[in-house]
PDB file of N, CA and C in Angstrom:
ATOM      1  N   MET A   1      20.573 -85.146 -94.628  1.00  0.00           N
ATOM      2  CA  MET A   1      19.597 -86.095 -95.137  1.00  0.00           C
ATOM      3  C   MET A   1      19.888 -87.496 -94.619  1.00  0.00           C
ATOM      4  N   LEU A   2      21.159 -87.836 -94.430  1.00  0.00           N
ATOM      5  CA  LEU A   2      21.517 -89.158 -93.940  1.00  0.00           C
ATOM      6  C   LEU A   2      21.019 -89.363 -92.508  1.00  0.00           C
ATOM      7  N   LYS A   3      21.158 -88.328 -91.678  1.00  0.00           N
ATOM      8  CA  LYS A   3      20.699 -88.436 -90.297  1.00  0.00           C
ATOM      9  C   LYS A   3      19.189 -88.653 -90.237  1.00  0.00           C
ATOM     10  N   SER A   4      18.454 -87.907 -91.046  1.00  0.00           N
ATOM     11  CA  SER A   4      16.996 -88.064 -91.026  1.00  0.00           C
ATOM     12  C   SER A   4      16.590 -89.434 -91.564  1.00  0.00           C
ATOM     13  N   THR A   5      17.326 -89.957 -92.531  1.00  0.00           N
ATOM     14  CA  THR A   5      17.026 -91.289 -93.052  1.00  0.00           C
ATOM     15  C   THR A   5      17.272 -92.352 -91.994  1.00  0.00           C
ATOM     16  N   LEU A   6      18.364 -92.222 -91.260  1.00  0.00           N
ATOM     17  CA  LEU A   6      18.645 -93.183 -90.192  1.00  0.00           C
ATOM     18  C   LEU A   6      17.604 -93.113 -89.082  1.00  0.00           C
ATOM     19  N   ILE A   7      17.151 -91.916 -88.776  1.00  0.00           N
ATOM     20  CA  ILE A   7      16.102 -91.761 -87.760  1.00  0.00           C
ATOM     21  C   ILE A   7      14.804 -92.393 -88.239  1.00  0.00           C
ATOM     22  N   VAL A   8      14.459 -92.177 -89.507  1.00  0.00           N
ATOM     23  CA  VAL A   8      13.244 -92.768 -90.072  1.00  0.00           C
ATOM     24  C   VAL A   8      13.315 -94.283 -90.027  1.00  0.00           C
ATOM     25  N   ILE A   9      14.483 -94.845 -90.351  1.00  0.00           N
ATOM     26  CA  ILE A   9      14.647 -96.298 -90.314  1.00  0.00           C
ATOM     27  C   ILE A   9      14.473 -96.821 -88.897  1.00  0.00           C
ATOM     28  N   ALA A  10      15.119 -96.191 -87.930  1.00  0.00           N
ATOM     29  CA  ALA A  10      15.038 -96.644 -86.544  1.00  0.00           C
ATOM     30  C   ALA A  10      13.615 -96.538 -85.998  1.00  0.00           C
ATOM     31  N   VAL A  11      12.956 -95.434 -86.265  1.00  0.00           N
ATOM     32  CA  VAL A  11      11.589 -95.239 -85.768  1.00  0.00           C
ATOM     33  C   VAL A  11      10.631 -96.238 -86.426  1.00  0.00           C
ATOM     34  N   SER A  12      10.784 -96.455 -87.713  1.00  0.00           N
ATOM     35  CA  SER A  12       9.897 -97.376 -88.416  1.00  0.00           C
ATOM     36  C   SER A  12      10.109 -98.808 -87.948  1.00  0.00           C
ATOM     37  N   PHE A  13      11.355 -99.193 -87.729  1.00  0.00           N
ATOM     38  CA  PHE A  13      11.639-100.543 -87.253  1.00  0.00           C
ATOM     39  C   PHE A  13      11.055-100.755 -85.864  1.00  0.00           C
ATOM     40  N   ALA A  14      11.213 -99.756 -84.986  1.00  0.00           N
ATOM     41  CA  ALA A  14      10.651 -99.854 -83.637  1.00  0.00           C
ATOM     42  C   ALA A  14       9.127 -99.844 -83.675  1.00  0.00           C
ATOM     43  N   ALA A  15       8.555 -99.093 -84.588  1.00  0.00           N
ATOM     44  CA  ALA A  15       7.094 -99.035 -84.696  1.00  0.00           C
ATOM     45  C   ALA A  15       6.527-100.378 -85.127  1.00  0.00           C
ATOM     46  N   GLY A  16       7.273-101.125 -85.920  1.00  0.00           N
ATOM     47  CA  GLY A  16       6.816-102.443 -86.333  1.00  0.00           C
ATOM     48  C   GLY A  16       6.616-103.376 -85.159  1.00  0.00           C
ATOM     49  N   ALA A  17       7.347-103.150 -84.097  1.00  0.00           N
ATOM     50  CA  ALA A  17       7.238-103.996 -82.921  1.00  0.00           C
ATOM     51  C   ALA A  17       6.202-103.492 -81.926  1.00  0.00           C
ATOM     52  N   THR A  18       5.730-102.263 -82.082  1.00  0.00           N
ATOM     53  CA  THR A  18       4.899-101.698 -81.025  1.00  0.00           C
ATOM     54  C   THR A  18       3.505-101.229 -81.441  1.00  0.00           C
ATOM     55  N   ILE A  19       3.346-100.682 -82.634  1.00  0.00           N
ATOM     56  CA  ILE A  19       2.036-100.102 -82.961  1.00  0.00           C
ATOM     57  C   ILE A  19       1.363-100.836 -84.110  1.00  0.00           C
ATOM     58  N   ARG A  20       0.089-100.627 -84.228  1.00  0.00           N
ATOM     59  CA  ARG A  20      -0.720-101.258 -85.272  1.00  0.00           C
ATOM     60  C   ARG A  20      -0.450-100.622 -86.631  1.00  0.00           C
ATOM     61  N   ALA A  21      -0.815-101.345 -87.680  1.00  0.00           N
ATOM     62  CA  ALA A  21      -0.540-100.900 -89.053  1.00  0.00           C
ATOM     63  C   ALA A  21      -1.280 -99.599 -89.380  1.00  0.00           C
ATOM     64  N   TRP A  22      -2.535 -99.471 -88.951  1.00  0.00           N
ATOM     65  CA  TRP A  22      -3.286 -98.254 -89.295  1.00  0.00           C
ATOM     66  C   TRP A  22      -2.686 -97.032 -88.613  1.00  0.00           C
ATOM     67  N   ALA A  23      -2.195 -97.211 -87.394  1.00  0.00           N
ATOM     68  CA  ALA A  23      -1.577 -96.089 -86.677  1.00  0.00           C
ATOM     69  C   ALA A  23      -0.259 -95.703 -87.346  1.00  0.00           C
ATOM     70  N   PHE A  24       0.492 -96.701 -87.783  1.00  0.00           N
ATOM     71  CA  PHE A  24       1.748 -96.394 -88.468  1.00  0.00           C
ATOM     72  C   PHE A  24       1.489 -95.725 -89.809  1.00  0.00           C
ATOM     73  N   ALA A  25       0.467 -96.170 -90.526  1.00  0.00           N
ATOM     74  CA  ALA A  25       0.150 -95.558 -91.821  1.00  0.00           C
ATOM     75  C   ALA A  25      -0.197 -94.078 -91.644  1.00  0.00           C
ATOM     76  N   PHE A  26      -0.972 -93.771 -90.626  1.00  0.00           N
ATOM     77  CA  PHE A  26      -1.327 -92.383 -90.339  1.00  0.00           C
ATOM     78  C   PHE A  26      -0.077 -91.575 -89.990  1.00  0.00           C
ATOM     79  N   PHE A  27       0.757 -92.129 -89.128  1.00  0.00           N
ATOM     80  CA  PHE A  27       2.002 -91.476 -88.729  1.00  0.00           C
ATOM     81  C   PHE A  27       2.916 -91.261 -89.936  1.00  0.00           C
ATOM     82  N   ALA A  28       3.065 -92.276 -90.775  1.00  0.00           N
ATOM     83  CA  ALA A  28       3.942 -92.179 -91.943  1.00  0.00           C
ATOM     84  C   ALA A  28       3.435 -91.131 -92.924  1.00  0.00           C
ATOM     85  N   PHE A  29       2.125 -91.092 -93.140  1.00  0.00           N
ATOM     86  CA  PHE A  29       1.564 -90.102 -94.054  1.00  0.00           C
ATOM     87  C   PHE A  29       1.830 -88.686 -93.559  1.00  0.00           C
ATOM     88  N   LEU A  30       1.625 -88.447 -92.277  1.00  0.00           N
ATOM     89  CA  LEU A  30       1.877 -87.113 -91.726  1.00  0.00           C
ATOM     90  C   LEU A  30       3.360 -86.741 -91.800  1.00  0.00           C
ATOM     91  N   LEU A  31       4.220 -87.692 -91.509  1.00  0.00           N
ATOM     92  CA  LEU A  31       5.645 -87.425 -91.553  1.00  0.00           C
ATOM     93  C   LEU A  31       6.122 -87.130 -92.974  1.00  0.00           C
ATOM     94  N   VAL A  32       5.646 -87.895 -93.944  1.00  0.00           N
ATOM     95  CA  VAL A  32       6.043 -87.679 -95.335  1.00  0.00           C
ATOM     96  C   VAL A  32       5.481 -86.360 -95.850  1.00  0.00           C
ATOM     97  N   ALA A  33       4.273 -86.015 -95.461  1.00  0.00           N
ATOM     98  CA  ALA A  33       3.707 -84.733 -95.874  1.00  0.00           C
ATOM     99  C   ALA A  33       4.531 -83.579 -95.309  1.00  0.00           C
ATOM    100  N   ALA A  34       4.914 -83.667 -94.051  1.00  0.00           N
ATOM    101  CA  ALA A  34       5.731 -82.621 -93.435  1.00  0.00           C
ATOM    102  C   ALA A  34       7.107 -82.540 -94.090  1.00  0.00           C
ATOM    103  N   LEU A  35       7.696 -83.688 -94.378  1.00  0.00           N
ATOM    104  CA  LEU A  35       8.997 -83.702 -95.033  1.00  0.00           C
ATOM    105  C   LEU A  35       8.916 -83.102 -96.435  1.00  0.00           C
ATOM    106  N   SER A  36       7.851 -83.383 -97.146  1.00  0.00           N
ATOM    107  CA  SER A  36       7.674 -82.822 -98.489  1.00  0.00           C
ATOM    108  C   SER A  36       7.519 -81.308 -98.436  1.00  0.00           C
ATOM    109  N   VAL A  37       6.809 -80.811 -97.447  1.00  0.00           N
ATOM    110  CA  VAL A  37       6.657 -79.365 -97.293  1.00  0.00           C
ATOM    111  C   VAL A  37       8.000 -78.715 -96.992  1.00  0.00           C
ATOM    112  N   VAL A  38       8.802 -79.345 -96.143  1.00  0.00           N
ATOM    113  CA  VAL A  38      10.121 -78.807 -95.819  1.00  0.00           C
ATOM    114  C   VAL A  38      10.995 -78.777 -97.062  1.00  0.00           C
ATOM    115  N   ILE A  39      10.933 -79.823 -97.871  1.00  0.00           N
ATOM    116  CA  ILE A  39      11.725 -79.864 -99.107  1.00  0.00           C
ATOM    117  C   ILE A  39      11.258 -78.769-100.069  1.00  0.00           C
ATOM    118  N   LEU A  40       9.963 -78.559-100.137  1.00  0.00           N
ATOM    119  CA  LEU A  40       9.440 -77.481-100.986  1.00  0.00           C
ATOM    120  C   LEU A  40       9.906 -76.112-100.501  1.00  0.00           C
ATOM    121  N   LEU A  41       9.909 -75.907 -99.202  1.00  0.00           N
ATOM    122  CA  LEU A  41      10.327 -74.618 -98.651  1.00  0.00           C
ATOM    123  C   LEU A  41      11.816 -74.345 -98.850  1.00  0.00           C
ATOM    124  N   LYS A  42      12.596 -75.392 -99.032  1.00  0.00           N
ATOM    125  CA  LYS A  42      14.025 -75.209 -99.281  1.00  0.00           C
ATOM    126  C   LYS A  42      14.306 -74.814-100.724  1.00  0.00           C
ATOM    127  N   GLY A  43      13.285 -74.822-101.563  1.00  0.00           N
ATOM    128  CA  GLY A  43      13.460 -74.346-102.925  1.00  0.00           C
ATOM    129  C   GLY A  43      13.443 -75.426-103.988  1.00  0.00           C
ATOM    130  N   SER A  44      13.132 -76.640-103.650  1.00  0.00           N
ATOM    131  CA  SER A  44      13.063 -77.711-104.641  1.00  0.00           C
ATOM    132  C   SER A  44      11.753 -77.635-105.399  1.00  0.00           C
ATOM    133  N   SER A  45      11.706 -78.327-106.514  1.00  0.00           N
ATOM    134  CA  SER A  45      10.474 -78.336-107.302  1.00  0.00           C
ATOM    135  C   SER A  45       9.462 -79.293-106.671  1.00  0.00           C
ATOM    136  N   LEU A  46       8.240 -79.174-107.129  1.00  0.00           N
ATOM    137  CA  LEU A  46       7.160 -80.018-106.610  1.00  0.00           C
ATOM    138  C   LEU A  46       7.417 -81.488-106.924  1.00  0.00           C
ATOM    139  N   THR A  47       7.896 -81.782-108.122  1.00  0.00           N
ATOM    140  CA  THR A  47       8.159 -83.174-108.484  1.00  0.00           C
ATOM    141  C   THR A  47       9.280 -83.775-107.639  1.00  0.00           C
ATOM    142  N   GLU A  48      10.306 -82.995-107.337  1.00  0.00           N
ATOM    143  CA  GLU A  48      11.378 -83.480-106.470  1.00  0.00           C
ATOM    144  C   GLU A  48      10.867 -83.748-105.059  1.00  0.00           C
ATOM    145  N   ALA A  49      10.007 -82.893-104.564  1.00  0.00           N
ATOM    146  CA  ALA A  49       9.447 -83.077-103.216  1.00  0.00           C
ATOM    147  C   ALA A  49       8.570 -84.318-103.169  1.00  0.00           C
ATOM    148  N   ILE A  50       7.763 -84.532-104.195  1.00  0.00           N
ATOM    149  CA  ILE A  50       6.894 -85.716-104.226  1.00  0.00           C
ATOM    150  C   ILE A  50       7.727 -86.983-104.343  1.00  0.00           C
ATOM    151  N   ALA A  51       8.743 -86.961-105.215  1.00  0.00           N
ATOM    152  CA  ALA A  51       9.602 -88.137-105.392  1.00  0.00           C
ATOM    153  C   ALA A  51      10.351 -88.466-104.106  1.00  0.00           C
ATOM    154  N   SER A  52      10.860 -87.456-103.443  1.00  0.00           N
ATOM    155  CA  SER A  52      11.571 -87.673-102.187  1.00  0.00           C
ATOM    156  C   SER A  52      10.626 -88.200-101.107  1.00  0.00           C
ATOM    157  N   GLY A  53       9.423 -87.646-101.060  1.00  0.00           N
ATOM    158  CA  GLY A  53       8.434 -88.121-100.095  1.00  0.00           C
ATOM    159  C   GLY A  53       8.051 -89.567-100.327  1.00  0.00           C
ATOM    160  N   LEU A  54       7.884 -89.947-101.573  1.00  0.00           N
ATOM    161  CA  LEU A  54       7.551 -91.344-101.880  1.00  0.00           C
ATOM    162  C   LEU A  54       8.696 -92.285-101.536  1.00  0.00           C
ATOM    163  N   GLN A  55       9.926 -91.840-101.759  1.00  0.00           N
ATOM    164  CA  GLN A  55      11.076 -92.662-101.390  1.00  0.00           C
ATOM    165  C   GLN A  55      11.112 -92.907 -99.886  1.00  0.00           C
ATOM    166  N   VAL A  56      10.881 -91.864 -99.122  1.00  0.00           N
ATOM    167  CA  VAL A  56      10.880 -92.004 -97.664  1.00  0.00           C
ATOM    168  C   VAL A  56       9.709 -92.881 -97.220  1.00  0.00           C
ATOM    169  N   LEU A  57       8.568 -92.742 -97.859  1.00  0.00           N
ATOM    170  CA  LEU A  57       7.408 -93.554 -97.506  1.00  0.00           C
ATOM    171  C   LEU A  57       7.666 -95.038 -97.769  1.00  0.00           C
ATOM    172  N   VAL A  58       8.256 -95.344 -98.902  1.00  0.00           N
ATOM    173  CA  VAL A  58       8.585 -96.737 -99.215  1.00  0.00           C
ATOM    174  C   VAL A  58       9.595 -97.281 -98.210  1.00  0.00           C
ATOM    175  N   LEU A  59      10.611 -96.489 -97.885  1.00  0.00           N
ATOM    176  CA  LEU A  59      11.603 -96.910 -96.900  1.00  0.00           C
ATOM    177  C   LEU A  59      10.961 -97.153 -95.536  1.00  0.00           C
ATOM    178  N   MET A  60      10.048 -96.285 -95.142  1.00  0.00           N
ATOM    179  CA  MET A  60       9.363 -96.443 -93.862  1.00  0.00           C
ATOM    180  C   MET A  60       8.537 -97.719 -93.841  1.00  0.00           C
ATOM    181  N   GLU A  61       7.834 -98.003 -94.916  1.00  0.00           N
ATOM    182  CA  GLU A  61       6.999 -99.204 -94.967  1.00  0.00           C
ATOM    183  C   GLU A  61       7.847-100.469 -94.915  1.00  0.00           C
ATOM    184  N   ILE A  62       8.958-100.468 -95.629  1.00  0.00           N
ATOM    185  CA  ILE A  62       9.843-101.641 -95.613  1.00  0.00           C
ATOM    186  C   ILE A  62      10.404-101.863 -94.206  1.00  0.00           C
ATOM    187  N   CYS A  63      10.835-100.803 -93.562  1.00  0.00           N
ATOM    188  CA  CYS A  63      11.381-100.922 -92.204  1.00  0.00           C
ATOM    189  C   CYS A  63      10.301-101.320 -91.208  1.00  0.00           C
ATOM    190  N   TYR A  64       9.085-100.836 -91.393  1.00  0.00           N
ATOM    191  CA  TYR A  64       7.986-101.236 -90.517  1.00  0.00           C
ATOM    192  C   TYR A  64       7.727-102.737 -90.644  1.00  0.00           C
ATOM    193  N   LEU A  65       7.672-103.225 -91.873  1.00  0.00           N
ATOM    194  CA  LEU A  65       7.437-104.650 -92.082  1.00  0.00           C
ATOM    195  C   LEU A  65       8.586-105.493 -91.547  1.00  0.00           C
ATOM    196  N   ALA A  66       9.816-105.010 -91.679  1.00  0.00           N
ATOM    197  CA  ALA A  66      10.967-105.730 -91.134  1.00  0.00           C
ATOM    198  C   ALA A  66      10.884-105.792 -89.606  1.00  0.00           C
ATOM    199  N   GLY A  67      10.500-104.692 -88.974  1.00  0.00           N
ATOM    200  CA  GLY A  67      10.331-104.689 -87.523  1.00  0.00           C
ATOM    201  C   GLY A  67       9.208-105.595 -87.071  1.00  0.00           C
ATOM    202  N   LEU A  68       8.124-105.599 -87.808  1.00  0.00           N
ATOM    203  CA  LEU A  68       6.996-106.479 -87.498  1.00  0.00           C
ATOM    204  C   LEU A  68       7.410-107.936 -87.626  1.00  0.00           C
ATOM    205  N   PHE A  69       8.138-108.267 -88.688  1.00  0.00           N
ATOM    206  CA  PHE A  69       8.599-109.633 -88.893  1.00  0.00           C
ATOM    207  C   PHE A  69       9.563-110.054 -87.794  1.00  0.00           C
ATOM    208  N   ALA A  70      10.512-109.189 -87.455  1.00  0.00           N
ATOM    209  CA  ALA A  70      11.493-109.519 -86.418  1.00  0.00           C
ATOM    210  C   ALA A  70      10.822-109.715 -85.065  1.00  0.00           C
ATOM    211  N   PHE A  71       9.857-108.871 -84.738  1.00  0.00           N
ATOM    212  CA  PHE A  71       9.143-108.997 -83.466  1.00  0.00           C
ATOM    213  C   PHE A  71       8.330-110.290 -83.424  1.00  0.00           C
ATOM    214  N   SER A  72       7.668-110.629 -84.515  1.00  0.00           N
ATOM    215  CA  SER A  72       6.892-111.873 -84.569  1.00  0.00           C
ATOM    216  C   SER A  72       7.799-113.091 -84.476  1.00  0.00           C
ATOM    217  N   LEU A  73       8.914-113.046 -85.172  1.00  0.00           N
ATOM    218  CA  LEU A  73       9.857-114.151 -85.129  1.00  0.00           C
ATOM    219  C   LEU A  73      10.405-114.340 -83.721  1.00  0.00           C
ATOM    220  N   GLY A  74      10.721-113.234 -83.061  1.00  0.00           N
ATOM    221  CA  GLY A  74      11.190-113.316 -81.679  1.00  0.00           C
ATOM    222  C   GLY A  74      10.149-113.915 -80.756  1.00  0.00           C
ATOM    223  N   GLY A  75       8.890-113.565 -80.956  1.00  0.00           N
ATOM    224  CA  GLY A  75       7.814-114.142 -80.149  1.00  0.00           C
ATOM    225  C   GLY A  75       7.652-115.631 -80.376  1.00  0.00           C
ATOM    226  N   HIS A  76       7.762-116.060 -81.624  1.00  0.00           N
ATOM    227  CA  HIS A  76       7.651-117.490 -81.922  1.00  0.00           C
ATOM    228  C   HIS A  76       8.826-118.272 -81.342  1.00  0.00           C
ATOM    229  N   ILE A  77      10.011-117.697 -81.386  1.00  0.00           N
ATOM    230  CA  ILE A  77      11.179-118.367 -80.807  1.00  0.00           C
ATOM    231  C   ILE A  77      11.016-118.500 -79.304  1.00  0.00           C
ATOM    232  N   GLN A  78      10.526-117.450 -78.652  1.00  0.00           N
ATOM    233  CA  GLN A  78      10.300-117.516 -77.201  1.00  0.00           C
ATOM    234  C   GLN A  78       9.263-118.582 -76.853  1.00  0.00           C
ATOM    235  N   LYS A  79       8.207-118.675 -77.662  1.00  0.00           N
ATOM    236  CA  LYS A  79       7.171-119.675 -77.420  1.00  0.00           C
ATOM    237  C   LYS A  79       7.741-121.084 -77.537  1.00  0.00           C
ATOM    238  N   ARG A  80       8.584-121.297 -78.542  1.00  0.00           N
ATOM    239  CA  ARG A  80       9.196-122.618 -78.730  1.00  0.00           C
ATOM    240  C   ARG A  80      10.111-122.955 -77.567  1.00  0.00           C
ATOM    241  N   ARG A  81      10.830-121.966 -77.066  1.00  0.00           N
ATOM    242  CA  ARG A  81      11.722-122.220 -75.926  1.00  0.00           C
ATOM    243  C   ARG A  81      10.928-122.615 -74.695  1.00  0.00           C
ATOM    244  N   LYS A  82       9.790-121.982 -74.481  1.00  0.00           N
ATOM    245  CA  LYS A  82       8.964-122.322 -73.332  1.00  0.00           C
ATOM    246  C   LYS A  82       8.396-123.732 -73.469  1.00  0.00           C
ATOM    247  N   LYS A  83       8.050-124.129 -74.679  1.00  0.00           N
ATOM    248  CA  LYS A  83       7.507-125.471 -74.902  1.00  0.00           C
ATOM    249  C   LYS A  83       8.548-126.551 -74.675  1.00  0.00           C
ATOM    250  N   THR A  84       9.790-126.266 -74.969  1.00  0.00           N
ATOM    251  CA  THR A  84      10.837-127.272 -74.844  1.00  0.00           C
ATOM    252  C   THR A  84      11.673-127.080 -73.592  1.00  0.00           C
ATOM    253  N   SER A  85      11.067-126.595 -72.536  1.00  0.00           N
ATOM    254  CA  SER A  85      11.802-126.421 -71.289  1.00  0.00           C
ATOM    255  C   SER A  85      12.039-127.779 -70.634  1.00  0.00           C
ATOM    256  N   ILE A  86      12.888-127.821 -69.637  1.00  0.00           N
ATOM    257  CA  ILE A  86      13.244-129.079 -68.979  1.00  0.00           C
ATOM    258  C   ILE A  86      12.034-129.715 -68.321  1.00  0.00           C
ATOM    259  N   ALA A  87      11.180-128.938 -67.707  1.00  0.00           N
ATOM    260  CA  ALA A  87      10.003-129.490 -67.038  1.00  0.00           C
ATOM    261  C   ALA A  87       9.069-130.161 -68.038  1.00  0.00           C
ATOM    262  N   ASP A  88       8.947-129.631 -69.209  1.00  0.00           N
ATOM    263  CA  ASP A  88       8.082-130.235 -70.217  1.00  0.00           C
ATOM    264  C   ASP A  88       8.694-131.493 -70.808  1.00  0.00           C
ATOM    265  N   ARG A  89      10.000-131.568 -70.887  1.00  0.00           N
ATOM    266  CA  ARG A  89      10.648-132.753 -71.433  1.00  0.00           C
ATOM    267  C   ARG A  89      10.422-133.968 -70.550  1.00  0.00           C
ATOM    268  N   SER A  90      10.283-133.762 -69.250  1.00  0.00           N
ATOM    269  CA  SER A  90      10.109-134.893 -68.342  1.00  0.00           C
ATOM    270  C   SER A  90       8.807-135.633 -68.614  1.00  0.00           C
ATOM    271  N   HIS A  91       7.787-134.925 -69.087  1.00  0.00           N
ATOM    272  CA  HIS A  91       6.528-135.586 -69.393  1.00  0.00           C
ATOM    273  C   HIS A  91       6.672-136.498 -70.601  1.00  0.00           C
ATOM    274  N   ALA A  92       7.502-136.127 -71.528  1.00  0.00           N
ATOM    275  CA  ALA A  92       7.692-136.921 -72.737  1.00  0.00           C
ATOM    276  C   ALA A  92       8.538-138.154 -72.456  1.00  0.00           C
ATOM    277  N   THR A  93       9.522-138.077 -71.559  1.00  0.00           N
ATOM    278  CA  THR A  93      10.410-139.208 -71.290  1.00  0.00           C
ATOM    279  C   THR A  93       9.925-140.065 -70.132  1.00  0.00           C
ATOM    280  N   GLY A  94       9.070-139.541 -69.302  1.00  0.00           N
ATOM    281  CA  GLY A  94       8.588-140.287 -68.155  1.00  0.00           C
ATOM    282  C   GLY A  94       9.482-140.158 -66.942  1.00  0.00           C
ATOM    283  N   LYS A  95      10.586-139.442 -67.057  1.00  0.00           N
ATOM    284  CA  LYS A  95      11.493-139.253 -65.930  1.00  0.00           C
ATOM    285  C   LYS A  95      11.183-137.933 -65.246  1.00  0.00           C
ATOM    286  N   ARG A  96      11.436-137.930 -63.936  1.00  0.00           N
ATOM    287  CA  ARG A  96      11.231-136.689 -63.194  1.00  0.00           C
ATOM    288  C   ARG A  96      12.430-135.771 -63.365  1.00  0.00           C
ATOM    289  N   PRO A  97      12.178-134.435 -63.377  1.00  0.00           N
ATOM    290  CA  PRO A  97      13.305-133.516 -63.396  1.00  0.00           C
ATOM    291  C   PRO A  97      14.041-133.543 -62.079  1.00  0.00           C
ATOM    292  N   HIS A  98      15.268-133.076 -62.045  1.00  0.00           N
ATOM    293  CA  HIS A  98      16.079-133.064 -60.819  1.00  0.00           C
ATOM    294  C   HIS A  98      15.416-132.213 -59.774  1.00  0.00           C
ATOM    295  N   GLY A  99      15.475-132.687 -58.524  1.00  0.00           N
ATOM    296  CA  GLY A  99      14.927-131.911 -57.421  1.00  0.00           C
ATOM    297  C   GLY A  99      13.511-132.333 -57.030  1.00  0.00           C
ATOM    298  N   TRP A 100      12.951-133.353 -57.670  1.00  0.00           N
ATOM    299  CA  TRP A 100      11.596-133.794 -57.309  1.00  0.00           C
ATOM    300  C   TRP A 100      11.650-135.011 -56.471  1.00  0.00           C
TER     301      TRP A 100
END
């Protein structure tokens, strides 16, 4: 169970950076449904399968949002770095950059 949880976390975090929310919701629903069926086939009760599926779904959503936030933050940091490059600073100070 620990290995599958780590895989779910990694996939959800990566999905936050790459796919849209509706696509992830569809993917998460299918994955949780399949996981619940597997838990049922192993002999657990229906309530245990539903509870476990909901736990995994909540974990997936949290990791997706964390990946989305991290990807957005990285994009904003890159944008700020491009704005404050050496060539742009020369316009603010009136001095030419080296090599001109």
